[in-house]
Amino acid sequence: MYYSAIYTNIPTETKMQNQEKYTDRALRAKHVAEKLGISIPLVWAKGNPDNSRYDASFPKPFKISSNTTVWMESQIDKWLAEQAAKSQ
């Protein structure tokens, strides 16, 4: 049985299984903007129906605390793939 250098009590196989189970990440607006190559204000505008740059197909964020709003990375990836498919 192999052991990780960082987690000496947890076998590497178990650690690998946990990583596979939780691959979807919660991204803050800054990271969504970086991933899409757009500005942070544009990320917020895409989700605001009152804004002229609103995009109804853009993934909806959700709050994980009173001051923290996130998007699921898998939903951002799916939206980006759909936009790429539309342009081909």
Protein backbone atom coordinates (compact mmCIF):
# COMPACT_ATOMS: atom_id res chain seq x y z
CA MET A 1 0.00 0.00 0.00
CA TYR A 2 1.38 3.43 -0.96
CA TYR A 3 1.18 6.43 1.35
CA SER A 4 1.19 10.10 0.46
CA ALA A 5 4.00 12.30 1.79
CA ILE A 6 1.54 14.98 2.85
CA TYR A 7 -1.21 12.79 4.27
CA THR A 8 0.80 10.02 5.85
CA ASN A 9 -2.25 8.29 7.34
CA ILE A 10 -4.30 8.23 4.12
CA PRO A 11 -3.43 5.73 1.38
CA THR A 12 -2.84 7.26 -2.05
CA GLU A 13 -5.64 5.18 -3.58
CA THR A 14 -8.18 6.65 -1.13
CA LYS A 15 -6.95 10.18 -1.77
CA MET A 16 -7.25 9.61 -5.53
CA GLN A 17 -10.84 8.34 -5.15
CA ASN A 18 -11.79 11.47 -3.19
CA GLN A 19 -10.29 13.73 -5.86
CA GLU A 20 -12.33 12.02 -8.57
CA LYS A 21 -15.50 12.35 -6.52
CA TYR A 22 -15.16 16.13 -6.07
CA THR A 23 -13.88 17.48 -9.37
CA ASP A 24 -16.45 20.29 -9.82
CA ARG A 25 -15.26 23.58 -8.36
CA ALA A 26 -17.10 26.69 -7.26
CA LEU A 27 -15.64 29.74 -9.05
CA ARG A 28 -15.90 33.35 -7.92
CA ALA A 29 -16.51 36.12 -10.46
CA LYS A 30 -12.79 36.83 -10.84
CA HIS A 31 -12.06 33.21 -11.78
CA VAL A 32 -15.04 33.01 -14.15
CA ALA A 33 -13.76 36.17 -15.87
CA GLU A 34 -10.25 34.73 -16.15
CA LYS A 35 -11.56 31.42 -17.52
CA LEU A 36 -13.68 33.17 -20.17
CA GLY A 37 -11.20 35.94 -20.95
CA ILE A 38 -13.68 38.71 -20.10
CA SER A 39 -13.90 41.41 -17.46
CA ILE A 40 -15.44 40.89 -14.03
CA PRO A 41 -18.16 43.51 -14.72
CA LEU A 42 -19.11 41.60 -17.88
CA VAL A 43 -19.54 38.40 -15.85
CA TRP A 44 -22.06 40.24 -13.65
CA ALA A 45 -23.71 41.92 -16.66
CA LYS A 46 -24.32 38.58 -18.39
CA GLY A 47 -26.41 37.48 -15.41
CA ASN A 48 -28.34 40.73 -14.92
CA PRO A 49 -31.65 40.93 -16.86
CA ASP A 50 -31.61 44.74 -16.53
CA ASN A 51 -28.30 45.01 -18.38
CA SER A 52 -28.02 45.35 -22.17
CA ARG A 53 -25.32 42.63 -22.17
CA TYR A 54 -27.59 40.10 -20.41
CA ASP A 55 -27.37 36.53 -21.69
CA ALA A 56 -30.25 34.30 -20.57
CA SER A 57 -28.20 31.18 -21.37
CA PHE A 58 -25.35 32.22 -19.04
CA PRO A 59 -25.12 29.99 -15.94
CA LYS A 60 -26.81 31.31 -12.83
CA PRO A 61 -24.64 31.96 -9.78
CA PHE A 62 -25.60 31.11 -6.23
CA LYS A 63 -24.58 32.30 -2.79
CA ILE A 64 -22.52 30.13 -0.47
CA SER A 65 -22.45 32.83 2.21
CA SER A 66 -23.85 36.31 2.67
CA ASN A 67 -20.91 37.90 0.81
CA THR A 68 -19.82 35.12 -1.53
CA THR A 69 -21.41 34.30 -4.87
CA VAL A 70 -20.10 31.47 -7.06
CA TRP A 71 -20.69 29.65 -10.34
CA MET A 72 -20.10 25.93 -10.79
CA GLU A 73 -17.13 25.34 -13.09
CA SER A 74 -18.92 22.51 -14.91
CA GLN A 75 -21.78 24.86 -15.84
CA ILE A 76 -19.33 27.49 -17.11
CA ASP A 77 -17.51 24.83 -19.16
CA LYS A 78 -20.80 23.60 -20.63
CA TRP A 79 -21.89 27.16 -21.52
CA LEU A 80 -18.51 27.84 -23.15
CA ALA A 81 -18.73 24.64 -25.22
CA GLU A 82 -22.24 25.61 -26.36
CA GLN A 83 -21.00 29.04 -27.44
CA ALA A 84 -18.13 27.44 -29.37
CA ALA A 85 -20.53 25.03 -31.08
CA LYS A 86 -22.80 27.92 -32.13
CA SER A 87 -19.89 29.69 -33.83
CA GLN A 88 -18.92 26.71 -36.01
